[in-house]
Amino acid sequence: MNIVKKRLTNLVEGAEVVLTSIEEIEKVASKASDGIERQVQPIRMSLIKRFPIVFILMVTTGFVLTSFGTEMFLERNAFFSSNPIVACILGIMLLVITGAAYKKDQV
């Protein structure tokens, strides 16, 4: 019984060391990420302000390509092409779920 208790104690202590290490790594990563974001933010905003047309074109192109790729995927998928109402309902559900998650994140 004593051996089992010692082994469990060692296991718990080892887990605590691992958790402490993970928390320290998370703190360092968070600081690094914040530092990079502070350095990149002015450059990003400067580029958006200097080249708004290019930025709008990039966003529009990304949206169109994503929509086109999704449309091609759904057309090739027999289930969705034969049941467009299911695709529509699934799309609306995804929009509601992501909208609710976004709203919850903003509050």
N, C-alpha and C. Protein backbone atom coordinates (compact mmCIF):
# COMPACT_ATOMS: atom_id res chain seq x y z
N MET A 1 0.82 -1.19 0.00
CA MET A 1 0.00 0.00 0.00
C MET A 1 0.86 1.26 0.00
N ASN A 2 1.96 1.22 0.76
CA ASN A 2 2.87 2.35 0.83
C ASN A 2 3.51 2.64 -0.52
N ILE A 3 3.85 1.59 -1.26
CA ILE A 3 4.49 1.76 -2.58
C ILE A 3 3.53 2.43 -3.55
N VAL A 4 2.28 2.02 -3.52
CA VAL A 4 1.27 2.62 -4.40
C VAL A 4 1.08 4.09 -4.06
N LYS A 5 1.04 4.39 -2.78
CA LYS A 5 0.87 5.77 -2.35
C LYS A 5 2.04 6.63 -2.80
N LYS A 6 3.26 6.12 -2.68
CA LYS A 6 4.46 6.85 -3.10
C LYS A 6 4.44 7.08 -4.61
N ARG A 7 4.05 6.05 -5.36
CA ARG A 7 4.00 6.18 -6.82
C ARG A 7 2.95 7.21 -7.24
N LEU A 8 1.79 7.17 -6.59
CA LEU A 8 0.75 8.16 -6.91
C LEU A 8 1.21 9.57 -6.55
N THR A 9 1.88 9.70 -5.43
CA THR A 9 2.40 11.01 -5.03
C THR A 9 3.41 11.52 -6.05
N ASN A 10 4.31 10.64 -6.49
CA ASN A 10 5.29 11.02 -7.51
C ASN A 10 4.60 11.41 -8.81
N LEU A 11 3.56 10.68 -9.17
CA LEU A 11 2.82 10.98 -10.40
C LEU A 11 2.16 12.35 -10.31
N VAL A 12 1.54 12.64 -9.19
CA VAL A 12 0.88 13.94 -9.00
C VAL A 12 1.90 15.07 -9.04
N GLU A 13 3.02 14.88 -8.37
CA GLU A 13 4.06 15.91 -8.37
C GLU A 13 4.60 16.13 -9.78
N GLY A 14 4.77 15.04 -10.52
CA GLY A 14 5.22 15.16 -11.91
C GLY A 14 4.21 15.90 -12.76
N ALA A 15 2.93 15.64 -12.56
CA ALA A 15 1.88 16.33 -13.31
C ALA A 15 1.88 17.82 -12.98
N GLU A 16 2.10 18.15 -11.71
CA GLU A 16 2.15 19.56 -11.32
C GLU A 16 3.32 20.28 -11.99
N VAL A 17 4.46 19.61 -12.10
CA VAL A 17 5.62 20.19 -12.77
C VAL A 17 5.31 20.44 -14.24
N VAL A 18 4.66 19.46 -14.88
CA VAL A 18 4.30 19.60 -16.30
C VAL A 18 3.33 20.75 -16.48
N LEU A 19 2.31 20.86 -15.63
CA LEU A 19 1.34 21.94 -15.74
C LEU A 19 2.00 23.30 -15.55
N THR A 20 2.91 23.39 -14.58
CA THR A 20 3.63 24.64 -14.35
C THR A 20 4.46 25.01 -15.58
N SER A 21 5.11 24.02 -16.18
CA SER A 21 5.91 24.27 -17.38
C SER A 21 5.03 24.73 -18.53
N ILE A 22 3.88 24.10 -18.70
CA ILE A 22 2.96 24.49 -19.77
C ILE A 22 2.46 25.91 -19.56
N GLU A 23 2.15 26.27 -18.32
CA GLU A 23 1.69 27.62 -18.03
C GLU A 23 2.78 28.64 -18.34
N GLU A 24 4.03 28.32 -18.02
CA GLU A 24 5.14 29.23 -18.31
C GLU A 24 5.33 29.38 -19.81
N ILE A 25 5.24 28.28 -20.54
CA ILE A 25 5.37 28.34 -22.00
C ILE A 25 4.25 29.18 -22.59
N GLU A 26 3.04 29.02 -22.05
CA GLU A 26 1.90 29.80 -22.54
C GLU A 26 2.11 31.29 -22.30
N LYS A 27 2.64 31.64 -21.14
CA LYS A 27 2.91 33.05 -20.84
C LYS A 27 3.94 33.63 -21.81
N VAL A 28 5.01 32.88 -22.06
CA VAL A 28 6.06 33.35 -22.98
C VAL A 28 5.49 33.50 -24.39
N ALA A 29 4.70 32.51 -24.83
CA ALA A 29 4.11 32.57 -26.17
C ALA A 29 3.15 33.74 -26.29
N SER A 30 2.38 33.99 -25.24
CA SER A 30 1.44 35.11 -25.25
C SER A 30 2.17 36.45 -25.33
N LYS A 31 3.25 36.58 -24.55
CA LYS A 31 4.03 37.81 -24.60
C LYS A 31 4.64 38.01 -25.98
N ALA A 32 5.16 36.95 -26.57
CA ALA A 32 5.76 37.04 -27.90
C ALA A 32 4.70 37.42 -28.94
N SER A 33 3.54 36.81 -28.85
CA SER A 33 2.46 37.11 -29.78
C SER A 33 2.01 38.56 -29.65
N ASP A 34 1.87 39.03 -28.41
CA ASP A 34 1.48 40.43 -28.19
C ASP A 34 2.53 41.39 -28.74
N GLY A 35 3.80 41.06 -28.54
CA GLY A 35 4.88 41.91 -29.05
C GLY A 35 4.88 41.97 -30.57
N ILE A 36 4.70 40.84 -31.20
CA ILE A 36 4.65 40.81 -32.67
C ILE A 36 3.44 41.59 -33.16
N GLU A 37 2.31 41.42 -32.52
CA GLU A 37 1.09 42.13 -32.92
C GLU A 37 1.27 43.64 -32.80
N ARG A 38 1.92 44.09 -31.71
CA ARG A 38 2.17 45.53 -31.54
C ARG A 38 3.07 46.06 -32.64
N GLN A 39 4.03 45.25 -33.08
CA GLN A 39 4.96 45.71 -34.12
C GLN A 39 4.31 45.70 -35.50
N VAL A 40 3.45 44.72 -35.75
CA VAL A 40 2.86 44.57 -37.08
C VAL A 40 1.64 45.47 -37.27
N GLN A 41 0.92 45.75 -36.20
CA GLN A 41 -0.32 46.53 -36.28
C GLN A 41 -0.15 47.87 -37.01
N PRO A 42 0.84 48.70 -36.68
CA PRO A 42 0.97 49.97 -37.40
C PRO A 42 1.26 49.78 -38.89
N ILE A 43 2.06 48.76 -39.20
CA ILE A 43 2.38 48.50 -40.61
C ILE A 43 1.13 48.06 -41.35
N ARG A 44 0.37 47.17 -40.74
CA ARG A 44 -0.86 46.68 -41.36
C ARG A 44 -1.83 47.83 -41.60
N MET A 45 -2.04 48.65 -40.58
CA MET A 45 -2.97 49.77 -40.73
C MET A 45 -2.47 50.77 -41.76
N SER A 46 -1.16 50.97 -41.80
CA SER A 46 -0.59 51.89 -42.77
C SER A 46 -0.83 51.38 -44.20
N LEU A 47 -0.64 50.08 -44.41
CA LEU A 47 -0.87 49.51 -45.74
C LEU A 47 -2.33 49.60 -46.14
N ILE A 48 -3.22 49.34 -45.18
CA ILE A 48 -4.65 49.42 -45.48
C ILE A 48 -5.05 50.85 -45.81
N LYS A 49 -4.49 51.82 -45.09
CA LYS A 49 -4.82 53.22 -45.35
C LYS A 49 -4.19 53.71 -46.66
N ARG A 50 -2.98 53.25 -46.97
CA ARG A 50 -2.32 53.71 -48.19
C ARG A 50 -2.86 53.03 -49.44
N PHE A 51 -3.28 51.78 -49.31
CA PHE A 51 -3.73 51.02 -50.48
C PHE A 51 -5.10 50.39 -50.22
N PRO A 52 -6.12 51.21 -50.00
CA PRO A 52 -7.43 50.62 -49.67
C PRO A 52 -8.02 49.81 -50.83
N ILE A 53 -7.78 50.23 -52.06
CA ILE A 53 -8.32 49.52 -53.22
C ILE A 53 -7.70 48.12 -53.30
N VAL A 54 -6.39 48.02 -53.10
CA VAL A 54 -5.72 46.73 -53.16
C VAL A 54 -6.26 45.82 -52.06
N PHE A 55 -6.44 46.37 -50.88
CA PHE A 55 -6.97 45.58 -49.76
C PHE A 55 -8.39 45.09 -50.07
N ILE A 56 -9.23 45.98 -50.59
CA ILE A 56 -10.60 45.59 -50.94
C ILE A 56 -10.60 44.52 -52.02
N LEU A 57 -9.73 44.66 -53.02
CA LEU A 57 -9.63 43.65 -54.08
C LEU A 57 -9.17 42.30 -53.53
N MET A 58 -8.23 42.32 -52.60
CA MET A 58 -7.75 41.07 -52.01
C MET A 58 -8.86 40.38 -51.22
N VAL A 59 -9.60 41.15 -50.43
CA VAL A 59 -10.70 40.58 -49.64
C VAL A 59 -11.78 40.04 -50.57
N THR A 60 -12.12 40.81 -51.61
CA THR A 60 -13.14 40.38 -52.55
C THR A 60 -12.72 39.12 -53.28
N THR A 61 -11.46 39.07 -53.73
CA THR A 61 -10.96 37.89 -54.43
C THR A 61 -10.99 36.66 -53.51
N GLY A 62 -10.58 36.83 -52.27
CA GLY A 62 -10.63 35.73 -51.32
C GLY A 62 -12.04 35.23 -51.11
N PHE A 63 -12.99 36.14 -50.99
CA PHE A 63 -14.39 35.75 -50.80
C PHE A 63 -14.92 35.03 -52.03
N VAL A 64 -14.65 35.56 -53.21
CA VAL A 64 -15.15 34.96 -54.45
C VAL A 64 -14.55 33.56 -54.64
N LEU A 65 -13.25 33.42 -54.42
CA LEU A 65 -12.62 32.11 -54.59
C LEU A 65 -13.16 31.09 -53.59
N THR A 66 -13.39 31.53 -52.37
CA THR A 66 -13.96 30.63 -51.37
C THR A 66 -15.36 30.22 -51.77
N SER A 67 -16.17 31.17 -52.20
CA SER A 67 -17.53 30.86 -52.64
C SER A 67 -17.52 29.92 -53.84
N PHE A 68 -16.64 30.20 -54.80
CA PHE A 68 -16.54 29.37 -55.99
C PHE A 68 -16.12 27.94 -55.64
N GLY A 69 -15.13 27.82 -54.79
CA GLY A 69 -14.67 26.50 -54.38
C GLY A 69 -15.75 25.73 -53.64
N THR A 70 -16.48 26.42 -52.77
CA THR A 70 -17.58 25.77 -52.05
C THR A 70 -18.67 25.34 -53.01
N GLU A 71 -18.99 26.20 -53.97
CA GLU A 71 -20.02 25.86 -54.96
C GLU A 71 -19.61 24.63 -55.78
N MET A 72 -18.35 24.59 -56.20
CA MET A 72 -17.89 23.46 -56.99
C MET A 72 -17.92 22.17 -56.16
N PHE A 73 -17.54 22.26 -54.90
CA PHE A 73 -17.58 21.09 -54.02
C PHE A 73 -19.01 20.59 -53.86
N LEU A 74 -19.94 21.52 -53.62
CA LEU A 74 -21.33 21.12 -53.42
C LEU A 74 -21.95 20.56 -54.69
N GLU A 75 -21.55 21.09 -55.86
CA GLU A 75 -22.08 20.56 -57.12
C GLU A 75 -21.61 19.13 -57.37
N ARG A 76 -20.39 18.83 -56.97
CA ARG A 76 -19.85 17.49 -57.19
C ARG A 76 -20.35 16.49 -56.15
N ASN A 77 -20.82 16.98 -55.03
CA ASN A 77 -21.34 16.11 -53.99
C ASN A 77 -22.79 15.76 -54.35
N ALA A 78 -23.06 14.49 -54.60
CA ALA A 78 -24.37 14.05 -55.08
C ALA A 78 -25.49 14.38 -54.10
N PHE A 79 -25.23 14.26 -52.82
CA PHE A 79 -26.28 14.51 -51.83
C PHE A 79 -26.76 15.95 -51.88
N PHE A 80 -25.82 16.90 -51.88
CA PHE A 80 -26.22 18.31 -51.88
C PHE A 80 -26.79 18.76 -53.22
N SER A 81 -26.29 18.21 -54.32
CA SER A 81 -26.82 18.63 -55.61
C SER A 81 -28.24 18.12 -55.83
N SER A 82 -28.59 16.99 -55.21
CA SER A 82 -29.95 16.49 -55.35
C SER A 82 -30.88 17.01 -54.25
N ASN A 83 -30.31 17.60 -53.20
CA ASN A 83 -31.10 18.16 -52.10
C ASN A 83 -30.63 19.57 -51.76
N PRO A 84 -30.91 20.55 -52.63
CA PRO A 84 -30.39 21.90 -52.36
C PRO A 84 -30.99 22.53 -51.11
N ILE A 85 -32.19 22.11 -50.72
CA ILE A 85 -32.79 22.68 -49.51
C ILE A 85 -31.99 22.29 -48.27
N VAL A 86 -31.43 21.10 -48.27
CA VAL A 86 -30.59 20.65 -47.15
C VAL A 86 -29.34 21.53 -47.08
N ALA A 87 -28.75 21.81 -48.25
CA ALA A 87 -27.57 22.67 -48.29
C ALA A 87 -27.91 24.07 -47.77
N CYS A 88 -29.07 24.57 -48.15
CA CYS A 88 -29.49 25.89 -47.69
C CYS A 88 -29.70 25.91 -46.19
N ILE A 89 -30.39 24.92 -45.67
CA ILE A 89 -30.64 24.85 -44.22
C ILE A 89 -29.33 24.70 -43.45
N LEU A 90 -28.43 23.85 -43.96
CA LEU A 90 -27.12 23.68 -43.32
C LEU A 90 -26.34 24.99 -43.32
N GLY A 91 -26.38 25.71 -44.43
CA GLY A 91 -25.69 27.00 -44.51
C GLY A 91 -26.25 28.00 -43.52
N ILE A 92 -27.57 28.06 -43.41
CA ILE A 92 -28.19 28.99 -42.46
C ILE A 92 -27.83 28.61 -41.03
N MET A 93 -27.84 27.31 -40.74
CA MET A 93 -27.46 26.86 -39.39
C MET A 93 -26.02 27.25 -39.07
N LEU A 94 -25.11 27.08 -40.04
CA LEU A 94 -23.72 27.46 -39.82
C LEU A 94 -23.59 28.96 -39.56
N LEU A 95 -24.34 29.76 -40.32
CA LEU A 95 -24.30 31.21 -40.11
C LEU A 95 -24.82 31.59 -38.73
N VAL A 96 -25.89 30.94 -38.29
CA VAL A 96 -26.45 31.23 -36.97
C VAL A 96 -25.46 30.84 -35.88
N ILE A 97 -24.86 29.67 -36.01
CA ILE A 97 -23.91 29.19 -35.00
C ILE A 97 -22.68 30.10 -34.93
N THR A 98 -22.11 30.43 -36.09
CA THR A 98 -20.92 31.28 -36.07
C THR A 98 -21.26 32.70 -35.63
N GLY A 99 -22.46 33.18 -35.99
CA GLY A 99 -22.88 34.51 -35.54
C GLY A 99 -23.06 34.56 -34.04
N ALA A 100 -23.64 33.51 -33.48
CA ALA A 100 -23.82 33.45 -32.03
C ALA A 100 -22.48 33.38 -31.32
N ALA A 101 -21.55 32.60 -31.87
CA ALA A 101 -20.22 32.50 -31.27
C ALA A 101 -19.50 33.84 -31.34
N TYR A 102 -19.64 34.54 -32.47
CA TYR A 102 -19.00 35.84 -32.62
C TYR A 102 -19.60 36.85 -31.64
N LYS A 103 -20.92 36.84 -31.53
CA LYS A 103 -21.59 37.76 -30.62
C LYS A 103 -21.18 37.49 -29.18
N LYS A 104 -21.08 36.22 -28.81
CA LYS A 104 -20.68 35.85 -27.46
C LYS A 104 -19.24 36.30 -27.19
N ASP A 105 -18.39 36.21 -28.20
CA ASP A 105 -16.99 36.61 -28.05
C ASP A 105 -16.86 38.12 -27.90
N GLN A 106 -17.74 38.89 -28.52
CA GLN A 106 -17.67 40.33 -28.48
C GLN A 106 -18.22 40.92 -27.19
N VAL A 107 -19.08 40.19 -26.51
CA VAL A 107 -19.71 40.69 -25.28
C VAL A 107 -18.84 40.48 -24.10
